Amino acid sequence: MLCYRHHPDYAGKKPAHELIHRLHAEHKERRAAIHGKLSEIHRYLEGMGADKLAPPQDGSSTEAGRAPGHL
């Protein structure tokens, strides 16, 4: 959706059909790149295994030893 009357980049002038298609194609490319990066991160985290991602169970976390009320 594009409102050329209110969109600051168009100053009330209707953009050409080609411009709208180019902007849409660029948007789709950016969205695909982001999705690809998120998929890569997801695969990396799956490969680590849940045992490596879980906090330690022996109380040795960074929260241990802090005074109450400190963040």
PDB file of N, CA and C in Angstrom:
ATOM      1  N   MET A   1       0.850  -1.182   0.000  1.00  0.00           N
ATOM      2  CA  MET A   1       0.000   0.000   0.000  1.00  0.00           C
ATOM      3  C   MET A   1       0.893   1.241   0.000  1.00  0.00           C
ATOM      4  N   LEU A   2       0.473   2.222  -0.743  1.00  0.00           N
ATOM      5  CA  LEU A   2       1.254   3.442  -0.859  1.00  0.00           C
ATOM      6  C   LEU A   2       0.309   4.626  -0.944  1.00  0.00           C
ATOM      7  N   CYS A   3       0.495   5.579  -0.050  1.00  0.00           N
ATOM      8  CA  CYS A   3      -0.296   6.798  -0.100  1.00  0.00           C
ATOM      9  C   CYS A   3       0.630   7.923  -0.534  1.00  0.00           C
ATOM     10  N   TYR A   4       0.640   8.212  -1.809  1.00  0.00           N
ATOM     11  CA  TYR A   4       1.563   9.222  -2.329  1.00  0.00           C
ATOM     12  C   TYR A   4       1.214  10.621  -1.833  1.00  0.00           C
ATOM     13  N   ARG A   5      -0.005  10.831  -1.443  1.00  0.00           N
ATOM     14  CA  ARG A   5      -0.385  12.165  -0.948  1.00  0.00           C
ATOM     15  C   ARG A   5       0.201  12.457   0.426  1.00  0.00           C
ATOM     16  N   HIS A   6       0.377  11.412   1.229  1.00  0.00           N
ATOM     17  CA  HIS A   6       0.855  11.616   2.591  1.00  0.00           C
ATOM     18  C   HIS A   6       2.265  11.089   2.821  1.00  0.00           C
ATOM     19  N   HIS A   7       2.772  10.274   1.927  1.00  0.00           N
ATOM     20  CA  HIS A   7       4.112   9.720   2.102  1.00  0.00           C
ATOM     21  C   HIS A   7       5.138  10.824   1.882  1.00  0.00           C
ATOM     22  N   PRO A   8       6.086  11.002   2.823  1.00  0.00           N
ATOM     23  CA  PRO A   8       7.025  12.124   2.730  1.00  0.00           C
ATOM     24  C   PRO A   8       7.965  12.067   1.529  1.00  0.00           C
ATOM     25  N   ASP A   9       8.211  10.883   0.977  1.00  0.00           N
ATOM     26  CA  ASP A   9       9.134  10.773  -0.151  1.00  0.00           C
ATOM     27  C   ASP A   9       8.531  11.228  -1.478  1.00  0.00           C
ATOM     28  N   TYR A  10       7.233  11.366  -1.569  1.00  0.00           N
ATOM     29  CA  TYR A  10       6.600  11.670  -2.860  1.00  0.00           C
ATOM     30  C   TYR A  10       6.023  13.074  -2.959  1.00  0.00           C
ATOM     31  N   ALA A  11       5.908  13.778  -1.859  1.00  0.00           N
ATOM     32  CA  ALA A  11       5.463  15.182  -1.834  1.00  0.00           C
ATOM     33  C   ALA A  11       4.202  15.416  -2.656  1.00  0.00           C
ATOM     34  N   GLY A  12       3.256  14.508  -2.560  1.00  0.00           N
ATOM     35  CA  GLY A  12       1.977  14.682  -3.237  1.00  0.00           C
ATOM     36  C   GLY A  12       1.966  14.324  -4.709  1.00  0.00           C
ATOM     37  N   LYS A  13       3.073  13.881  -5.254  1.00  0.00           N
ATOM     38  CA  LYS A  13       3.143  13.504  -6.679  1.00  0.00           C
ATOM     39  C   LYS A  13       3.054  11.989  -6.796  1.00  0.00           C
ATOM     40  N   LYS A  14       2.202  11.530  -7.677  1.00  0.00           N
ATOM     41  CA  LYS A  14       2.002  10.100  -7.846  1.00  0.00           C
ATOM     42  C   LYS A  14       3.237   9.468  -8.493  1.00  0.00           C
ATOM     43  N   PRO A  15       3.803   8.390  -7.856  1.00  0.00           N
ATOM     44  CA  PRO A  15       4.985   7.742  -8.419  1.00  0.00           C
ATOM     45  C   PRO A  15       4.624   6.891  -9.633  1.00  0.00           C
ATOM     46  N   ALA A  16       5.606   6.683 -10.478  1.00  0.00           N
ATOM     47  CA  ALA A  16       5.409   5.866 -11.685  1.00  0.00           C
ATOM     48  C   ALA A  16       5.228   4.401 -11.296  1.00  0.00           C
ATOM     49  N   HIS A  17       4.569   3.672 -12.156  1.00  0.00           N
ATOM     50  CA  HIS A  17       4.301   2.256 -11.957  1.00  0.00           C
ATOM     51  C   HIS A  17       5.609   1.485 -11.754  1.00  0.00           C
ATOM     52  N   GLU A  18       6.626   1.810 -12.530  1.00  0.00           N
ATOM     53  CA  GLU A  18       7.917   1.134 -12.443  1.00  0.00           C
ATOM     54  C   GLU A  18       8.563   1.345 -11.072  1.00  0.00           C
ATOM     55  N   LEU A  19       8.429   2.549 -10.531  1.00  0.00           N
ATOM     56  CA  LEU A  19       9.003   2.843  -9.227  1.00  0.00           C
ATOM     57  C   LEU A  19       8.342   1.996  -8.145  1.00  0.00           C
ATOM     58  N   ILE A  20       7.048   1.872  -8.202  1.00  0.00           N
ATOM     59  CA  ILE A  20       6.323   1.067  -7.217  1.00  0.00           C
ATOM     60  C   ILE A  20       6.792  -0.387  -7.290  1.00  0.00           C
ATOM     61  N   HIS A  21       6.947  -0.929  -8.493  1.00  0.00           N
ATOM     62  CA  HIS A  21       7.412  -2.303  -8.652  1.00  0.00           C
ATOM     63  C   HIS A  21       8.844  -2.463  -8.159  1.00  0.00           C
ATOM     64  N   ARG A  22       9.707  -1.491  -8.425  1.00  0.00           N
ATOM     65  CA  ARG A  22      11.095  -1.567  -7.976  1.00  0.00           C
ATOM     66  C   ARG A  22      11.167  -1.545  -6.444  1.00  0.00           C
ATOM     67  N   LEU A  23      10.401  -0.647  -5.821  1.00  0.00           N
ATOM     68  CA  LEU A  23      10.397  -0.569  -4.364  1.00  0.00           C
ATOM     69  C   LEU A  23       9.867  -1.862  -3.740  1.00  0.00           C
ATOM     70  N   HIS A  24       8.850  -2.432  -4.379  1.00  0.00           N
ATOM     71  CA  HIS A  24       8.298  -3.686  -3.869  1.00  0.00           C
ATOM     72  C   HIS A  24       9.320  -4.819  -3.997  1.00  0.00           C
ATOM     73  N   ALA A  25      10.033  -4.872  -5.117  1.00  0.00           N
ATOM     74  CA  ALA A  25      11.055  -5.907  -5.314  1.00  0.00           C
ATOM     75  C   ALA A  25      12.177  -5.752  -4.289  1.00  0.00           C
ATOM     76  N   GLU A  26      12.590  -4.526  -4.013  1.00  0.00           N
ATOM     77  CA  GLU A  26      13.619  -4.285  -3.003  1.00  0.00           C
ATOM     78  C   GLU A  26      13.149  -4.721  -1.621  1.00  0.00           C
ATOM     79  N   HIS A  27      11.887  -4.443  -1.326  1.00  0.00           N
ATOM     80  CA  HIS A  27      11.315  -4.863  -0.041  1.00  0.00           C
ATOM     81  C   HIS A  27      11.335  -6.384   0.078  1.00  0.00           C
ATOM     82  N   LYS A  28      10.959  -7.083  -0.981  1.00  0.00           N
ATOM     83  CA  LYS A  28      10.946  -8.542  -0.965  1.00  0.00           C
ATOM     84  C   LYS A  28      12.355  -9.103  -0.785  1.00  0.00           C
ATOM     85  N   GLU A  29      13.352  -8.473  -1.409  1.00  0.00           N
ATOM     86  CA  GLU A  29      14.737  -8.907  -1.256  1.00  0.00           C
ATOM     87  C   GLU A  29      15.214  -8.738   0.186  1.00  0.00           C
ATOM     88  N   ARG A  30      14.897  -7.589   0.782  1.00  0.00           N
ATOM     89  CA  ARG A  30      15.288  -7.354   2.177  1.00  0.00           C
ATOM     90  C   ARG A  30      14.619  -8.364   3.105  1.00  0.00           C
ATOM     91  N   ARG A  31      13.332  -8.609   2.875  1.00  0.00           N
ATOM     92  CA  ARG A  31      12.588  -9.562   3.701  1.00  0.00           C
ATOM     93  C   ARG A  31      13.178 -10.962   3.570  1.00  0.00           C
ATOM     94  N   ALA A  32      13.544 -11.374   2.357  1.00  0.00           N
ATOM     95  CA  ALA A  32      14.147 -12.691   2.141  1.00  0.00           C
ATOM     96  C   ALA A  32      15.509 -12.790   2.824  1.00  0.00           C
ATOM     97  N   ALA A  33      16.291 -11.712   2.784  1.00  0.00           N
ATOM     98  CA  ALA A  33      17.601 -11.712   3.431  1.00  0.00           C
ATOM     99  C   ALA A  33      17.458 -11.858   4.944  1.00  0.00           C
ATOM    100  N   ILE A  34      16.510 -11.147   5.521  1.00  0.00           N
ATOM    101  CA  ILE A  34      16.274 -11.236   6.963  1.00  0.00           C
ATOM    102  C   ILE A  34      15.815 -12.646   7.326  1.00  0.00           C
ATOM    103  N   HIS A  35      14.896 -13.195   6.538  1.00  0.00           N
ATOM    104  CA  HIS A  35      14.391 -14.537   6.802  1.00  0.00           C
ATOM    105  C   HIS A  35      15.530 -15.555   6.705  1.00  0.00           C
ATOM    106  N   GLY A  36      16.393 -15.396   5.708  1.00  0.00           N
ATOM    107  CA  GLY A  36      17.528 -16.301   5.549  1.00  0.00           C
ATOM    108  C   GLY A  36      18.473 -16.241   6.736  1.00  0.00           C
ATOM    109  N   LYS A  37      18.751 -15.043   7.221  1.00  0.00           N
ATOM    110  CA  LYS A  37      19.641 -14.887   8.373  1.00  0.00           C
ATOM    111  C   LYS A  37      19.013 -15.508   9.621  1.00  0.00           C
ATOM    112  N   LEU A  38      17.710 -15.292   9.828  1.00  0.00           N
ATOM    113  CA  LEU A  38      17.033 -15.893  10.981  1.00  0.00           C
ATOM    114  C   LEU A  38      17.049 -17.415  10.900  1.00  0.00           C
ATOM    115  N   SER A  39      16.875 -17.960   9.700  1.00  0.00           N
ATOM    116  CA  SER A  39      16.925 -19.413   9.527  1.00  0.00           C
ATOM    117  C   SER A  39      18.320 -19.945   9.848  1.00  0.00           C
ATOM    118  N   GLU A  40      19.349 -19.212   9.423  1.00  0.00           N
ATOM    119  CA  GLU A  40      20.730 -19.591   9.706  1.00  0.00           C
ATOM    120  C   GLU A  40      20.988 -19.611  11.215  1.00  0.00           C
ATOM    121  N   ILE A  41      20.521 -18.596  11.919  1.00  0.00           N
ATOM    122  CA  ILE A  41      20.686 -18.523  13.369  1.00  0.00           C
ATOM    123  C   ILE A  41      19.939 -19.671  14.039  1.00  0.00           C
ATOM    124  N   HIS A  42      18.736 -19.958  13.556  1.00  0.00           N
ATOM    125  CA  HIS A  42      17.930 -21.040  14.122  1.00  0.00           C
ATOM    126  C   HIS A  42      18.649 -22.381  13.961  1.00  0.00           C
ATOM    127  N   ARG A  43      19.196 -22.635  12.769  1.00  0.00           N
ATOM    128  CA  ARG A  43      19.924 -23.885  12.542  1.00  0.00           C
ATOM    129  C   ARG A  43      21.157 -23.966  13.442  1.00  0.00           C
ATOM    130  N   TYR A  44      21.846 -22.848  13.621  1.00  0.00           N
ATOM    131  CA  TYR A  44      23.017 -22.817  14.492  1.00  0.00           C
ATOM    132  C   TYR A  44      22.628 -23.165  15.925  1.00  0.00           C
ATOM    133  N   LEU A  45      21.558 -22.566  16.417  1.00  0.00           N
ATOM    134  CA  LEU A  45      21.129 -22.824  17.784  1.00  0.00           C
ATOM    135  C   LEU A  45      20.631 -24.251  17.961  1.00  0.00           C
ATOM    136  N   GLU A  46      19.961 -24.795  16.939  1.00  0.00           N
ATOM    137  CA  GLU A  46      19.527 -26.193  17.023  1.00  0.00           C
ATOM    138  C   GLU A  46      20.733 -27.121  17.104  1.00  0.00           C
ATOM    139  N   GLY A  47      21.797 -26.786  16.400  1.00  0.00           N
ATOM    140  CA  GLY A  47      23.005 -27.600  16.404  1.00  0.00           C
ATOM    141  C   GLY A  47      23.738 -27.575  17.730  1.00  0.00           C
ATOM    142  N   MET A  48      23.541 -26.531  18.503  1.00  0.00           N
ATOM    143  CA  MET A  48      24.209 -26.437  19.805  1.00  0.00           C
ATOM    144  C   MET A  48      23.607 -27.419  20.799  1.00  0.00           C
ATOM    145  N   GLY A  49      22.336 -27.701  20.674  1.00  0.00           N
ATOM    146  CA  GLY A  49      21.667 -28.608  21.598  1.00  0.00           C
ATOM    147  C   GLY A  49      21.167 -27.866  22.825  1.00  0.00           C
ATOM    148  N   ALA A  50      20.091 -28.346  23.375  1.00  0.00           N
ATOM    149  CA  ALA A  50      19.462 -27.688  24.527  1.00  0.00           C
ATOM    150  C   ALA A  50      20.352 -27.738  25.765  1.00  0.00           C
ATOM    151  N   ASP A  51      21.192 -28.782  25.908  1.00  0.00           N
ATOM    152  CA  ASP A  51      22.041 -28.892  27.091  1.00  0.00           C
ATOM    153  C   ASP A  51      23.088 -27.785  27.144  1.00  0.00           C
ATOM    154  N   LYS A  52      23.517 -27.274  26.004  1.00  0.00           N
ATOM    155  CA  LYS A  52      24.510 -26.203  25.976  1.00  0.00           C
ATOM    156  C   LYS A  52      23.879 -24.831  26.164  1.00  0.00           C
ATOM    157  N   LEU A  53      22.575 -24.719  25.913  1.00  0.00           N
ATOM    158  CA  LEU A  53      21.885 -23.442  26.038  1.00  0.00           C
ATOM    159  C   LEU A  53      21.275 -23.232  27.421  1.00  0.00           C
ATOM    160  N   ALA A  54      21.068 -24.305  28.156  1.00  0.00           N
ATOM    161  CA  ALA A  54      20.417 -24.209  29.458  1.00  0.00           C
ATOM    162  C   ALA A  54      21.371 -23.594  30.480  1.00  0.00           C
ATOM    163  N   PRO A  55      20.839 -22.820  31.425  1.00  0.00           N
ATOM    164  CA  PRO A  55      21.699 -22.252  32.477  1.00  0.00           C
ATOM    165  C   PRO A  55      22.226 -23.357  33.378  1.00  0.00           C
ATOM    166  N   PRO A  56      23.357 -23.142  34.022  1.00  0.00           N
ATOM    167  CA  PRO A  56      23.917 -24.165  34.909  1.00  0.00           C
ATOM    168  C   PRO A  56      22.976 -24.467  36.078  1.00  0.00           C
ATOM    169  N   GLN A  57      22.939 -25.728  36.471  1.00  0.00           N
ATOM    170  CA  GLN A  57      22.044 -26.160  37.546  1.00  0.00           C
ATOM    171  C   GLN A  57      22.724 -26.154  38.914  1.00  0.00           C
ATOM    172  N   ASP A  58      24.020 -25.851  38.968  1.00  0.00           N
ATOM    173  CA  ASP A  58      24.752 -25.921  40.227  1.00  0.00           C
ATOM    174  C   ASP A  58      24.763 -24.606  40.997  1.00  0.00           C
ATOM    175  N   GLY A  59      23.987 -23.615  40.565  1.00  0.00           N
ATOM    176  CA  GLY A  59      23.922 -22.341  41.270  1.00  0.00           C
ATOM    177  C   GLY A  59      25.068 -21.405  40.933  1.00  0.00           C
ATOM    178  N   SER A  60      25.846 -21.721  39.905  1.00  0.00           N
ATOM    179  CA  SER A  60      27.004 -20.893  39.568  1.00  0.00           C
ATOM    180  C   SER A  60      26.680 -19.824  38.532  1.00  0.00           C
ATOM    181  N   SER A  61      25.429 -19.463  38.417  1.00  0.00           N
ATOM    182  CA  SER A  61      25.063 -18.432  37.448  1.00  0.00           C
ATOM    183  C   SER A  61      25.575 -17.082  37.913  1.00  0.00           C
ATOM    184  N   THR A  62      25.527 -16.094  37.065  1.00  0.00           N
ATOM    185  CA  THR A  62      26.003 -14.756  37.390  1.00  0.00           C
ATOM    186  C   THR A  62      25.114 -14.082  38.432  1.00  0.00           C
ATOM    187  N   GLU A  63      23.916 -14.613  38.644  1.00  0.00           N
ATOM    188  CA  GLU A  63      23.012 -14.035  39.628  1.00  0.00           C
ATOM    189  C   GLU A  63      23.421 -14.429  41.046  1.00  0.00           C
ATOM    190  N   ALA A  64      24.123 -15.555  41.194  1.00  0.00           N
ATOM    191  CA  ALA A  64      24.518 -16.013  42.522  1.00  0.00           C
ATOM    192  C   ALA A  64      25.524 -15.028  43.115  1.00  0.00           C
ATOM    193  N   GLY A  65      25.364 -14.769  44.379  1.00  0.00           N
ATOM    194  CA  GLY A  65      26.314 -13.913  45.057  1.00  0.00           C
ATOM    195  C   GLY A  65      25.981 -12.426  44.998  1.00  0.00           C
ATOM    196  N   ARG A  66      24.982 -12.053  44.284  1.00  0.00           N
ATOM    197  CA  ARG A  66      24.588 -10.650  44.223  1.00  0.00           C
ATOM    198  C   ARG A  66      23.703 -10.306  45.402  1.00  0.00           C
ATOM    199  N   ALA A  67      23.836  -9.109  45.850  1.00  0.00           N
ATOM    200  CA  ALA A  67      22.992  -8.649  46.938  1.00  0.00           C
ATOM    201  C   ALA A  67      21.579  -8.434  46.438  1.00  0.00           C
ATOM    202  N   PRO A  68      20.574  -8.681  47.274  1.00  0.00           N
ATOM    203  CA  PRO A  68      19.180  -8.465  46.850  1.00  0.00           C
ATOM    204  C   PRO A  68      18.974  -7.010  46.427  1.00  0.00           C
ATOM    205  N   GLY A  69      18.231  -6.842  45.368  1.00  0.00           N
ATOM    206  CA  GLY A  69      17.907  -5.494  44.883  1.00  0.00           C
ATOM    207  C   GLY A  69      18.859  -4.982  43.821  1.00  0.00           C
ATOM    208  N   HIS A  70      19.954  -5.685  43.571  1.00  0.00           N
ATOM    209  CA  HIS A  70      20.879  -5.269  42.519  1.00  0.00           C
ATOM    210  C   HIS A  70      20.510  -5.931  41.208  1.00  0.00           C
ATOM    211  N   LEU A  71      20.561  -5.171  40.124  1.00  0.00           N
ATOM    212  CA  LEU A  71      20.231  -5.729  38.813  1.00  0.00           C
ATOM    213  C   LEU A  71      21.440  -5.989  37.992  1.00  0.00           C
TER     214      LEU A  71
END
